[in-house]
Amino acid sequence: EGYETLLNTDMALEQDNMARLMRLTVDYARSIGYTGDFYIEP
């Protein structure tokens, strides 16, 4: 989840989509009873 060059990268769109995927994951996990933690590892 990043880039090699900004010449062919739409950073705003890519980060929007990454956030969308993470939100979908959290919402779905809670809906099926997952009670653990979510972490991002920089």
PDB file of all heavy atoms in Angstrom:
ATOM      1  N   GLU A   1       0.855  -1.200   0.000  1.00  0.00           N
ATOM      2  CA  GLU A   1       0.000   0.000   0.000  1.00  0.00           C
ATOM      3  C   GLU A   1       0.885   1.242   0.000  1.00  0.00           C
ATOM      4  O   GLU A   1       1.213   1.798   1.038  1.00  0.00           O
ATOM      5  CB  GLU A   1      -0.936  -0.006   1.215  1.00  0.00           C
ATOM      6  CG  GLU A   1      -1.622  -1.335   1.494  1.00  0.00           C
ATOM      7  CD  GLU A   1      -2.581  -1.780   0.408  1.00  0.00           C
ATOM      8  OE1 GLU A   1      -2.631  -1.163  -0.677  1.00  0.00           O
ATOM      9  OE2 GLU A   1      -3.301  -2.768   0.630  1.00  0.00           O
ATOM     10  N   GLY A   2       1.304   1.636  -1.194  1.00  0.00           N
ATOM     11  CA  GLY A   2       2.190   2.780  -1.331  1.00  0.00           C
ATOM     12  C   GLY A   2       2.522   2.990  -2.790  1.00  0.00           C
ATOM     13  O   GLY A   2       1.704   2.696  -3.663  1.00  0.00           O
ATOM     14  N   TYR A   3       3.704   3.497  -3.062  1.00  0.00           N
ATOM     15  CA  TYR A   3       4.047   3.761  -4.460  1.00  0.00           C
ATOM     16  C   TYR A   3       5.550   3.676  -4.686  1.00  0.00           C
ATOM     17  O   TYR A   3       6.355   3.766  -3.764  1.00  0.00           O
ATOM     18  CB  TYR A   3       3.544   5.142  -4.881  1.00  0.00           C
ATOM     19  CG  TYR A   3       4.154   6.298  -4.100  1.00  0.00           C
ATOM     20  CD1 TYR A   3       5.398   6.822  -4.447  1.00  0.00           C
ATOM     21  CD2 TYR A   3       3.479   6.870  -3.027  1.00  0.00           C
ATOM     22  CE1 TYR A   3       5.964   7.862  -3.748  1.00  0.00           C
ATOM     23  CE2 TYR A   3       4.039   7.919  -2.316  1.00  0.00           C
ATOM     24  CZ  TYR A   3       5.278   8.411  -2.678  1.00  0.00           C
ATOM     25  OH  TYR A   3       5.842   9.434  -1.967  1.00  0.00           O
ATOM     26  N   GLU A   4       5.908   3.495  -5.945  1.00  0.00           N
ATOM     27  CA  GLU A   4       7.301   3.560  -6.389  1.00  0.00           C
ATOM     28  C   GLU A   4       7.624   4.930  -6.966  1.00  0.00           C
ATOM     29  O   GLU A   4       8.742   5.415  -6.866  1.00  0.00           O
ATOM     30  CB  GLU A   4       7.572   2.474  -7.433  1.00  0.00           C
ATOM     31  CG  GLU A   4       7.335   1.049  -6.930  1.00  0.00           C
ATOM     32  CD  GLU A   4       8.262   0.657  -5.797  1.00  0.00           C
ATOM     33  OE1 GLU A   4       9.416   1.137  -5.776  1.00  0.00           O
ATOM     34  OE2 GLU A   4       7.835  -0.128  -4.923  1.00  0.00           O
ATOM     35  N   THR A   5       6.641   5.562  -7.598  1.00  0.00           N
ATOM     36  CA  THR A   5       6.804   6.912  -8.135  1.00  0.00           C
ATOM     37  C   THR A   5       5.457   7.606  -8.107  1.00  0.00           C
ATOM     38  O   THR A   5       4.408   6.981  -8.320  1.00  0.00           O
ATOM     39  CB  THR A   5       7.349   6.894  -9.571  1.00  0.00           C
ATOM     40  OG1 THR A   5       7.354   8.243 -10.091  1.00  0.00           O
ATOM     41  CG2 THR A   5       6.521   6.012 -10.479  1.00  0.00           C
ATOM     42  N   LEU A   6       5.463   8.906  -7.863  1.00  0.00           N
ATOM     43  CA  LEU A   6       4.222   9.691  -7.850  1.00  0.00           C
ATOM     44  C   LEU A   6       3.758  10.056  -9.250  1.00  0.00           C
ATOM     45  O   LEU A   6       2.648  10.569  -9.425  1.00  0.00           O
ATOM     46  CB  LEU A   6       4.423  10.960  -7.017  1.00  0.00           C
ATOM     47  CG  LEU A   6       4.475  10.750  -5.493  1.00  0.00           C
ATOM     48  CD1 LEU A   6       4.866  12.055  -4.803  1.00  0.00           C
ATOM     49  CD2 LEU A   6       3.137  10.253  -4.971  1.00  0.00           C
ATOM     50  N   LEU A   7       4.576   9.782 -10.259  1.00  0.00           N
ATOM     51  CA  LEU A   7       4.208  10.155 -11.623  1.00  0.00           C
ATOM     52  C   LEU A   7       2.982   9.404 -12.108  1.00  0.00           C
ATOM     53  O   LEU A   7       2.250   9.876 -12.976  1.00  0.00           O
ATOM     54  CB  LEU A   7       5.391   9.906 -12.568  1.00  0.00           C
ATOM     55  CG  LEU A   7       6.621  10.791 -12.331  1.00  0.00           C
ATOM     56  CD1 LEU A   7       7.756  10.367 -13.250  1.00  0.00           C
ATOM     57  CD2 LEU A   7       6.265  12.264 -12.555  1.00  0.00           C
ATOM     58  N   ASN A   8       2.751   8.213 -11.574  1.00  0.00           N
ATOM     59  CA  ASN A   8       1.571   7.447 -11.992  1.00  0.00           C
ATOM     60  C   ASN A   8       0.707   7.046 -10.796  1.00  0.00           C
ATOM     61  O   ASN A   8       0.045   6.012 -10.813  1.00  0.00           O
ATOM     62  CB  ASN A   8       1.985   6.194 -12.779  1.00  0.00           C
ATOM     63  CG  ASN A   8       2.835   5.242 -11.951  1.00  0.00           C
ATOM     64  OD1 ASN A   8       3.180   5.545 -10.807  1.00  0.00           O
ATOM     65  ND2 ASN A   8       3.168   4.087 -12.521  1.00  0.00           N
ATOM     66  N   THR A   9       0.718   7.880  -9.741  1.00  0.00           N
ATOM     67  CA  THR A   9      -0.001   7.559  -8.510  1.00  0.00           C
ATOM     68  C   THR A   9      -1.015   8.646  -8.175  1.00  0.00           C
ATOM     69  O   THR A   9      -0.670   9.830  -8.125  1.00  0.00           O
ATOM     70  CB  THR A   9       0.988   7.414  -7.330  1.00  0.00           C
ATOM     71  OG1 THR A   9       1.922   6.377  -7.625  1.00  0.00           O
ATOM     72  CG2 THR A   9       0.253   7.077  -6.039  1.00  0.00           C
ATOM     73  N   ASP A  10      -2.254   8.250  -7.943  1.00  0.00           N
ATOM     74  CA  ASP A  10      -3.296   9.143  -7.426  1.00  0.00           C
ATOM     75  C   ASP A  10      -3.383   8.900  -5.923  1.00  0.00           C
ATOM     76  O   ASP A  10      -4.161   8.066  -5.455  1.00  0.00           O
ATOM     77  CB  ASP A  10      -4.633   8.849  -8.111  1.00  0.00           C
ATOM     78  CG  ASP A  10      -5.717   9.864  -7.750  1.00  0.00           C
ATOM     79  OD1 ASP A  10      -5.603  10.499  -6.679  1.00  0.00           O
ATOM     80  OD2 ASP A  10      -6.675   9.997  -8.534  1.00  0.00           O
ATOM     81  N   MET A  11      -2.571   9.607  -5.167  1.00  0.00           N
ATOM     82  CA  MET A  11      -2.449   9.351  -3.736  1.00  0.00           C
ATOM     83  C   MET A  11      -3.776   9.525  -2.998  1.00  0.00           C
ATOM     84  O   MET A  11      -4.140   8.702  -2.134  1.00  0.00           O
ATOM     85  CB  MET A  11      -1.390  10.267  -3.116  1.00  0.00           C
ATOM     86  CG  MET A  11      -1.152   9.998  -1.632  1.00  0.00           C
ATOM     87  SD  MET A  11      -0.016  11.173  -0.866  1.00  0.00           S
ATOM     88  CE  MET A  11       1.519  10.749  -1.687  1.00  0.00           C
ATOM     89  N   ALA A  12      -4.511  10.559  -3.321  1.00  0.00           N
ATOM     90  CA  ALA A  12      -5.776  10.818  -2.632  1.00  0.00           C
ATOM     91  C   ALA A  12      -6.759   9.665  -2.832  1.00  0.00           C
ATOM     92  O   ALA A  12      -7.378   9.181  -1.876  1.00  0.00           O
ATOM     93  CB  ALA A  12      -6.384  12.129  -3.122  1.00  0.00           C
ATOM     94  N   LEU A  13      -6.908   9.215  -4.070  1.00  0.00           N
ATOM     95  CA  LEU A  13      -7.823   8.116  -4.360  1.00  0.00           C
ATOM     96  C   LEU A  13      -7.371   6.831  -3.675  1.00  0.00           C
ATOM     97  O   LEU A  13      -8.190   6.092  -3.105  1.00  0.00           O
ATOM     98  CB  LEU A  13      -7.918   7.898  -5.869  1.00  0.00           C
ATOM     99  CG  LEU A  13      -8.786   6.708  -6.320  1.00  0.00           C
ATOM    100  CD1 LEU A  13     -10.235   6.916  -5.881  1.00  0.00           C
ATOM    101  CD2 LEU A  13      -8.690   6.519  -7.833  1.00  0.00           C
ATOM    102  N   GLU A  14      -6.074   6.552  -3.709  1.00  0.00           N
ATOM    103  CA  GLU A  14      -5.571   5.322  -3.106  1.00  0.00           C
ATOM    104  C   GLU A  14      -5.816   5.302  -1.598  1.00  0.00           C
ATOM    105  O   GLU A  14      -6.217   4.283  -1.036  1.00  0.00           O
ATOM    106  CB  GLU A  14      -4.088   5.159  -3.423  1.00  0.00           C
ATOM    107  CG  GLU A  14      -3.826   4.845  -4.895  1.00  0.00           C
ATOM    108  CD  GLU A  14      -2.395   4.414  -5.154  1.00  0.00           C
ATOM    109  OE1 GLU A  14      -1.580   4.400  -4.200  1.00  0.00           O
ATOM    110  OE2 GLU A  14      -2.084   4.075  -6.314  1.00  0.00           O
ATOM    111  N   GLN A  15      -5.585   6.423  -0.936  1.00  0.00           N
ATOM    112  CA  GLN A  15      -5.814   6.454   0.502  1.00  0.00           C
ATOM    113  C   GLN A  15      -7.304   6.406   0.837  1.00  0.00           C
ATOM    114  O   GLN A  15      -7.700   5.802   1.848  1.00  0.00           O
ATOM    115  CB  GLN A  15      -5.139   7.677   1.117  1.00  0.00           C
ATOM    116  CG  GLN A  15      -3.620   7.610   1.023  1.00  0.00           C
ATOM    117  CD  GLN A  15      -2.924   8.604   1.916  1.00  0.00           C
ATOM    118  OE1 GLN A  15      -3.556   9.461   2.534  1.00  0.00           O
ATOM    119  NE2 GLN A  15      -1.610   8.508   1.992  1.00  0.00           N
ATOM    120  N   ASP A  16      -8.129   7.027   0.020  1.00  0.00           N
ATOM    121  CA  ASP A  16      -9.586   6.903   0.204  1.00  0.00           C
ATOM    122  C   ASP A  16      -9.999   5.435   0.147  1.00  0.00           C
ATOM    123  O   ASP A  16     -10.792   4.959   0.977  1.00  0.00           O
ATOM    124  CB  ASP A  16     -10.332   7.673  -0.887  1.00  0.00           C
ATOM    125  CG  ASP A  16     -10.278   9.187  -0.700  1.00  0.00           C
ATOM    126  OD1 ASP A  16      -9.854   9.637   0.384  1.00  0.00           O
ATOM    127  OD2 ASP A  16     -10.655   9.903  -1.647  1.00  0.00           O
ATOM    128  N   ASN A  17      -9.486   4.724  -0.831  1.00  0.00           N
ATOM    129  CA  ASN A  17      -9.857   3.319  -0.998  1.00  0.00           C
ATOM    130  C   ASN A  17      -9.324   2.448   0.134  1.00  0.00           C
ATOM    131  O   ASN A  17     -10.000   1.510   0.579  1.00  0.00           O
ATOM    132  CB  ASN A  17      -9.349   2.800  -2.345  1.00  0.00           C
ATOM    133  CG  ASN A  17     -10.145   3.345  -3.515  1.00  0.00           C
ATOM    134  OD1 ASN A  17     -11.288   3.786  -3.346  1.00  0.00           O
ATOM    135  ND2 ASN A  17      -9.566   3.318  -4.700  1.00  0.00           N
ATOM    136  N   MET A  18      -8.117   2.740   0.603  1.00  0.00           N
ATOM    137  CA  MET A  18      -7.560   1.968   1.704  1.00  0.00           C
ATOM    138  C   MET A  18      -8.402   2.150   2.966  1.00  0.00           C
ATOM    139  O   MET A  18      -8.694   1.188   3.683  1.00  0.00           O
ATOM    140  CB  MET A  18      -6.115   2.386   1.974  1.00  0.00           C
ATOM    141  CG  MET A  18      -5.417   1.532   3.031  1.00  0.00           C
ATOM    142  SD  MET A  18      -3.613   1.727   3.049  1.00  0.00           S
ATOM    143  CE  MET A  18      -3.461   3.427   3.603  1.00  0.00           C
ATOM    144  N   ALA A  19      -8.818   3.383   3.231  1.00  0.00           N
ATOM    145  CA  ALA A  19      -9.679   3.648   4.387  1.00  0.00           C
ATOM    146  C   ALA A  19     -11.021   2.940   4.244  1.00  0.00           C
ATOM    147  O   ALA A  19     -11.568   2.410   5.217  1.00  0.00           O
ATOM    148  CB  ALA A  19      -9.884   5.151   4.549  1.00  0.00           C
ATOM    149  N   ARG A  20     -11.544   2.922   3.030  1.00  0.00           N
ATOM    150  CA  ARG A  20     -12.821   2.251   2.783  1.00  0.00           C
ATOM    151  C   ARG A  20     -12.706   0.757   3.093  1.00  0.00           C
ATOM    152  O   ARG A  20     -13.600   0.163   3.712  1.00  0.00           O
ATOM    153  CB  ARG A  20     -13.244   2.478   1.332  1.00  0.00           C
ATOM    154  CG  ARG A  20     -14.613   1.931   0.980  1.00  0.00           C
ATOM    155  CD  ARG A  20     -15.010   2.312  -0.441  1.00  0.00           C
ATOM    156  NE  ARG A  20     -15.201   3.746  -0.589  1.00  0.00           N
ATOM    157  CZ  ARG A  20     -14.394   4.536  -1.288  1.00  0.00           C
ATOM    158  NH1 ARG A  20     -13.350   4.024  -1.923  1.00  0.00           N
ATOM    159  NH2 ARG A  20     -14.632   5.827  -1.377  1.00  0.00           N
ATOM    160  N   LEU A  21     -11.615   0.157   2.696  1.00  0.00           N
ATOM    161  CA  LEU A  21     -11.412  -1.267   2.949  1.00  0.00           C
ATOM    162  C   LEU A  21     -11.297  -1.543   4.448  1.00  0.00           C
ATOM    163  O   LEU A  21     -11.856  -2.529   4.952  1.00  0.00           O
ATOM    164  CB  LEU A  21     -10.145  -1.744   2.230  1.00  0.00           C
ATOM    165  CG  LEU A  21      -9.785  -3.223   2.382  1.00  0.00           C
ATOM    166  CD1 LEU A  21     -10.896  -4.116   1.847  1.00  0.00           C
ATOM    167  CD2 LEU A  21      -8.470  -3.524   1.664  1.00  0.00           C
ATOM    168  N   MET A  22     -10.616  -0.686   5.176  1.00  0.00           N
ATOM    169  CA  MET A  22     -10.461  -0.886   6.615  1.00  0.00           C
ATOM    170  C   MET A  22     -11.783  -0.719   7.338  1.00  0.00           C
ATOM    171  O   MET A  22     -12.091  -1.476   8.273  1.00  0.00           O
ATOM    172  CB  MET A  22      -9.402   0.081   7.148  1.00  0.00           C
ATOM    173  CG  MET A  22      -8.009  -0.211   6.600  1.00  0.00           C
ATOM    174  SD  MET A  22      -6.772   1.027   7.035  1.00  0.00           S
ATOM    175  CE  MET A  22      -6.627   0.714   8.769  1.00  0.00           C
ATOM    176  N   ARG A  23     -12.593   0.242   6.910  1.00  0.00           N
ATOM    177  CA  ARG A  23     -13.910   0.437   7.524  1.00  0.00           C
ATOM    178  C   ARG A  23     -14.802  -0.771   7.255  1.00  0.00           C
ATOM    179  O   ARG A  23     -15.513  -1.250   8.160  1.00  0.00           O
ATOM    180  CB  ARG A  23     -14.542   1.730   6.989  1.00  0.00           C
ATOM    181  CG  ARG A  23     -16.016   1.929   7.368  1.00  0.00           C
ATOM    182  CD  ARG A  23     -16.259   1.811   8.849  1.00  0.00           C
ATOM    183  NE  ARG A  23     -15.517   2.797   9.607  1.00  0.00           N
ATOM    184  CZ  ARG A  23     -15.307   2.721  10.916  1.00  0.00           C
ATOM    185  NH1 ARG A  23     -15.763   1.679  11.589  1.00  0.00           N
ATOM    186  NH2 ARG A  23     -14.615   3.643  11.540  1.00  0.00           N
ATOM    187  N   LEU A  24     -14.775  -1.275   6.041  1.00  0.00           N
ATOM    188  CA  LEU A  24     -15.550  -2.469   5.721  1.00  0.00           C
ATOM    189  C   LEU A  24     -15.132  -3.642   6.609  1.00  0.00           C
ATOM    190  O   LEU A  24     -15.979  -4.409   7.091  1.00  0.00           O
ATOM    191  CB  LEU A  24     -15.353  -2.840   4.247  1.00  0.00           C
ATOM    192  CG  LEU A  24     -16.030  -1.957   3.200  1.00  0.00           C
ATOM    193  CD1 LEU A  24     -15.512  -2.314   1.803  1.00  0.00           C
ATOM    194  CD2 LEU A  24     -17.546  -2.106   3.256  1.00  0.00           C
ATOM    195  N   THR A  25     -13.843  -3.786   6.830  1.00  0.00           N
ATOM    196  CA  THR A  25     -13.328  -4.887   7.640  1.00  0.00           C
ATOM    197  C   THR A  25     -13.801  -4.790   9.078  1.00  0.00           C
ATOM    198  O   THR A  25     -14.282  -5.772   9.663  1.00  0.00           O
ATOM    199  CB  THR A  25     -11.794  -4.916   7.605  1.00  0.00           C
ATOM    200  OG1 THR A  25     -11.346  -5.053   6.253  1.00  0.00           O
ATOM    201  CG2 THR A  25     -11.253  -6.069   8.427  1.00  0.00           C
ATOM    202  N   VAL A  26     -13.672  -3.612   9.672  1.00  0.00           N
ATOM    203  CA  VAL A  26     -14.080  -3.426  11.066  1.00  0.00           C
ATOM    204  C   VAL A  26     -15.572  -3.697  11.225  1.00  0.00           C
ATOM    205  O   VAL A  26     -15.997  -4.428  12.139  1.00  0.00           O
ATOM    206  CB  VAL A  26     -13.733  -2.006  11.549  1.00  0.00           C
ATOM    207  CG1 VAL A  26     -14.354  -1.735  12.928  1.00  0.00           C
ATOM    208  CG2 VAL A  26     -12.228  -1.811  11.616  1.00  0.00           C
ATOM    209  N   ASP A  27     -16.376  -3.119  10.349  1.00  0.00           N
ATOM    210  CA  ASP A  27     -17.828  -3.286  10.461  1.00  0.00           C
ATOM    211  C   ASP A  27     -18.227  -4.748  10.316  1.00  0.00           C
ATOM    212  O   ASP A  27     -19.079  -5.251  11.066  1.00  0.00           O
ATOM    213  CB  ASP A  27     -18.538  -2.439   9.409  1.00  0.00           C
ATOM    214  CG  ASP A  27     -18.416  -0.948   9.676  1.00  0.00           C
ATOM    215  OD1 ASP A  27     -18.006  -0.576  10.801  1.00  0.00           O
ATOM    216  OD2 ASP A  27     -18.714  -0.145   8.763  1.00  0.00           O
ATOM    217  N   TYR A  28     -17.620  -5.431   9.355  1.00  0.00           N
ATOM    218  CA  TYR A  28     -17.967  -6.840   9.161  1.00  0.00           C
ATOM    219  C   TYR A  28     -17.502  -7.687  10.342  1.00  0.00           C
ATOM    220  O   TYR A  28     -18.246  -8.559  10.826  1.00  0.00           O
ATOM    221  CB  TYR A  28     -17.355  -7.379   7.874  1.00  0.00           C
ATOM    222  CG  TYR A  28     -17.656  -8.848   7.672  1.00  0.00           C
ATOM    223  CD1 TYR A  28     -18.947  -9.269   7.351  1.00  0.00           C
ATOM    224  CD2 TYR A  28     -16.665  -9.812   7.841  1.00  0.00           C
ATOM    225  CE1 TYR A  28     -19.239 -10.622   7.205  1.00  0.00           C
ATOM    226  CE2 TYR A  28     -16.948 -11.162   7.687  1.00  0.00           C
ATOM    227  CZ  TYR A  28     -18.235 -11.558   7.371  1.00  0.00           C
ATOM    228  OH  TYR A  28     -18.529 -12.893   7.232  1.00  0.00           O
ATOM    229  N   ALA A  29     -16.281  -7.442  10.820  1.00  0.00           N
ATOM    230  CA  ALA A  29     -15.751  -8.235  11.935  1.00  0.00           C
ATOM    231  C   ALA A  29     -16.640  -8.121  13.164  1.00  0.00           C
ATOM    232  O   ALA A  29     -16.955  -9.127  13.823  1.00  0.00           O
ATOM    233  CB  ALA A  29     -14.326  -7.788  12.263  1.00  0.00           C
ATOM    234  N   ARG A  30     -17.062  -6.915  13.483  1.00  0.00           N
ATOM    235  CA  ARG A  30     -17.932  -6.733  14.653  1.00  0.00           C
ATOM    236  C   ARG A  30     -19.285  -7.408  14.437  1.00  0.00           C
ATOM    237  O   ARG A  30     -19.882  -7.934  15.385  1.00  0.00           O
ATOM    238  CB  ARG A  30     -18.121  -5.250  14.946  1.00  0.00           C
ATOM    239  CG  ARG A  30     -16.842  -4.494  15.320  1.00  0.00           C
ATOM    240  CD  ARG A  30     -16.075  -5.141  16.445  1.00  0.00           C
ATOM    241  NE  ARG A  30     -14.926  -4.339  16.874  1.00  0.00           N
ATOM    242  CZ  ARG A  30     -13.881  -4.820  17.525  1.00  0.00           C
ATOM    243  NH1 ARG A  30     -13.810  -6.113  17.819  1.00  0.00           N
ATOM    244  NH2 ARG A  30     -12.880  -4.039  17.888  1.00  0.00           N
ATOM    245  N   SER A  31     -19.763  -7.429  13.206  1.00  0.00           N
ATOM    246  CA  SER A  31     -21.075  -8.018  12.921  1.00  0.00           C
ATOM    247  C   SER A  31     -21.084  -9.532  13.101  1.00  0.00           C
ATOM    248  O   SER A  31     -22.146 -10.126  13.327  1.00  0.00           O
ATOM    249  CB  SER A  31     -21.522  -7.661  11.498  1.00  0.00           C
ATOM    250  OG  SER A  31     -20.818  -8.424  10.523  1.00  0.00           O
ATOM    251  N   ILE A  32     -19.912 -10.176  13.012  1.00  0.00           N
ATOM    252  CA  ILE A  32     -19.859 -11.634  13.168  1.00  0.00           C
ATOM    253  C   ILE A  32     -19.335 -12.039  14.547  1.00  0.00           C
ATOM    254  O   ILE A  32     -19.055 -13.211  14.787  1.00  0.00           O
ATOM    255  CB  ILE A  32     -19.003 -12.294  12.070  1.00  0.00           C
ATOM    256  CG1 ILE A  32     -17.538 -11.849  12.159  1.00  0.00           C
ATOM    257  CG2 ILE A  32     -19.576 -12.005  10.684  1.00  0.00           C
ATOM    258  CD1 ILE A  32     -16.610 -12.642  11.239  1.00  0.00           C
ATOM    259  N   GLY A  33     -19.183 -11.056  15.438  1.00  0.00           N
ATOM    260  CA  GLY A  33     -18.825 -11.378  16.810  1.00  0.00           C
ATOM    261  C   GLY A  33     -17.364 -11.292  17.167  1.00  0.00           C
ATOM    262  O   GLY A  33     -16.967 -11.740  18.248  1.00  0.00           O
ATOM    263  N   TYR A  34     -16.542 -10.712  16.292  1.00  0.00           N
ATOM    264  CA  TYR A  34     -15.134 -10.539  16.636  1.00  0.00           C
ATOM    265  C   TYR A  34     -15.014  -9.459  17.708  1.00  0.00           C
ATOM    266  O   TYR A  34     -15.508  -8.344  17.544  1.00  0.00           O
ATOM    267  CB  TYR A  34     -14.325 -10.139  15.405  1.00  0.00           C
ATOM    268  CG  TYR A  34     -12.880  -9.798  15.710  1.00  0.00           C
ATOM    269  CD1 TYR A  34     -11.978 -10.793  16.050  1.00  0.00           C
ATOM    270  CD2 TYR A  34     -12.428  -8.482  15.683  1.00  0.00           C
ATOM    271  CE1 TYR A  34     -10.656 -10.490  16.348  1.00  0.00           C
ATOM    272  CE2 TYR A  34     -11.113  -8.170  15.968  1.00  0.00           C
ATOM    273  CZ  TYR A  34     -10.231  -9.176  16.308  1.00  0.00           C
ATOM    274  OH  TYR A  34      -8.928  -8.870  16.607  1.00  0.00           O
ATOM    275  N   THR A  35     -14.357  -9.786  18.825  1.00  0.00           N
ATOM    276  CA  THR A  35     -14.246  -8.852  19.947  1.00  0.00           C
ATOM    277  C   THR A  35     -12.806  -8.426  20.216  1.00  0.00           C
ATOM    278  O   THR A  35     -12.552  -7.693  21.175  1.00  0.00           O
ATOM    279  CB  THR A  35     -14.826  -9.477  21.226  1.00  0.00           C
ATOM    280  OG1 THR A  35     -14.117 -10.702  21.517  1.00  0.00           O
ATOM    281  CG2 THR A  35     -16.308  -9.784  21.063  1.00  0.00           C
ATOM    282  N   GLY A  36     -11.868  -8.889  19.399  1.00  0.00           N
ATOM    283  CA  GLY A  36     -10.464  -8.563  19.625  1.00  0.00           C
ATOM    284  C   GLY A  36     -10.114  -7.157  19.178  1.00  0.00           C
ATOM    285  O   GLY A  36     -10.980  -6.342  18.830  1.00  0.00           O
ATOM    286  N   ASP A  37      -8.826  -6.873  19.176  1.00  0.00           N
ATOM    287  CA  ASP A  37      -8.320  -5.552  18.806  1.00  0.00           C
ATOM    288  C   ASP A  37      -7.951  -5.508  17.333  1.00  0.00           C
ATOM    289  O   ASP A  37      -7.668  -6.533  16.705  1.00  0.00           O
ATOM    290  CB  ASP A  37      -7.071  -5.215  19.628  1.00  0.00           C
ATOM    291  CG  ASP A  37      -7.377  -5.094  21.115  1.00  0.00           C
ATOM    292  OD1 ASP A  37      -8.428  -4.537  21.460  1.00  0.00           O
ATOM    293  OD2 ASP A  37      -6.547  -5.561  21.923  1.00  0.00           O
ATOM    294  N   PHE A  38      -7.935  -4.277  16.794  1.00  0.00           N
ATOM    295  CA  PHE A  38      -7.413  -4.030  15.451  1.00  0.00           C
ATOM    296  C   PHE A  38      -6.154  -3.183  15.585  1.00  0.00           C
ATOM    297  O   PHE A  38      -6.122  -2.204  16.331  1.00  0.00           O
ATOM    298  CB  PHE A  38      -8.436  -3.281  14.585  1.00  0.00           C
ATOM    299  CG  PHE A  38      -9.612  -4.108  14.179  1.00  0.00           C
ATOM    300  CD1 PHE A  38     -10.815  -3.994  14.850  1.00  0.00           C
ATOM    301  CD2 PHE A  38      -9.517  -5.007  13.127  1.00  0.00           C
ATOM    302  CE1 PHE A  38     -11.906  -4.757  14.491  1.00  0.00           C
ATOM    303  CE2 PHE A  38     -10.608  -5.777  12.760  1.00  0.00           C
ATOM    304  CZ  PHE A  38     -11.808  -5.655  13.440  1.00  0.00           C
ATOM    305  N   TYR A  39      -5.128  -3.565  14.846  1.00  0.00           N
ATOM    306  CA  TYR A  39      -3.864  -2.839  14.889  1.00  0.00           C
ATOM    307  C   TYR A  39      -3.374  -2.523  13.481  1.00  0.00           C
ATOM    308  O   TYR A  39      -3.599  -3.295  12.546  1.00  0.00           O
ATOM    309  CB  TYR A  39      -2.783  -3.656  15.597  1.00  0.00           C
ATOM    310  CG  TYR A  39      -3.069  -3.957  17.037  1.00  0.00           C
ATOM    311  CD1 TYR A  39      -3.318  -5.265  17.449  1.00  0.00           C
ATOM    312  CD2 TYR A  39      -3.092  -2.953  17.997  1.00  0.00           C
ATOM    313  CE1 TYR A  39      -3.584  -5.551  18.778  1.00  0.00           C
ATOM    314  CE2 TYR A  39      -3.356  -3.228  19.317  1.00  0.00           C
ATOM    315  CZ  TYR A  39      -3.598  -4.531  19.712  1.00  0.00           C
ATOM    316  OH  TYR A  39      -3.860  -4.813  21.024  1.00  0.00           O
ATOM    317  N   ILE A  40      -2.708  -1.380  13.382  1.00  0.00           N
ATOM    318  CA  ILE A  40      -1.923  -1.071  12.190  1.00  0.00           C
ATOM    319  C   ILE A  40      -0.459  -1.063  12.618  1.00  0.00           C
ATOM    320  O   ILE A  40      -0.104  -0.481  13.644  1.00  0.00           O
ATOM    321  CB  ILE A  40      -2.288   0.293  11.583  1.00  0.00           C
ATOM    322  CG1 ILE A  40      -3.732   0.295  11.092  1.00  0.00           C
ATOM    323  CG2 ILE A  40      -1.354   0.614  10.412  1.00  0.00           C
ATOM    324  CD1 ILE A  40      -4.132   1.593  10.439  1.00  0.00           C
ATOM    325  N   GLU A  41       0.366  -1.711  11.832  1.00  0.00           N
ATOM    326  CA  GLU A  41       1.792  -1.777  12.130  1.00  0.00           C
ATOM    327  C   GLU A  41       2.548  -0.891  11.148  1.00  0.00           C
ATOM    328  O   GLU A  41       2.704  -1.241   9.983  1.00  0.00           O
ATOM    329  CB  GLU A  41       2.285  -3.220  12.030  1.00  0.00           C
ATOM    330  CG  GLU A  41       3.733  -3.396  12.452  1.00  0.00           C
ATOM    331  CD  GLU A  41       4.114  -4.866  12.526  1.00  0.00           C
ATOM    332  OE1 GLU A  41       3.295  -5.680  12.986  1.00  0.00           O
ATOM    333  OE2 GLU A  41       5.246  -5.190  12.106  1.00  0.00           O
ATOM    334  N   PRO A  42       2.998   0.289  11.605  1.00  0.00           N
ATOM    335  CA  PRO A  42       3.702   1.196  10.687  1.00  0.00           C
ATOM    336  C   PRO A  42       5.010   0.609  10.178  1.00  0.00           C
ATOM    337  O   PRO A  42       5.731  -0.079  10.897  1.00  0.00           O
ATOM    338  CB  PRO A  42       3.972   2.438  11.562  1.00  0.00           C
ATOM    339  CG  PRO A  42       3.017   2.335  12.703  1.00  0.00           C
ATOM    340  CD  PRO A  42       2.843   0.871  12.947  1.00  0.00           C
TER     341      PRO A  42
END
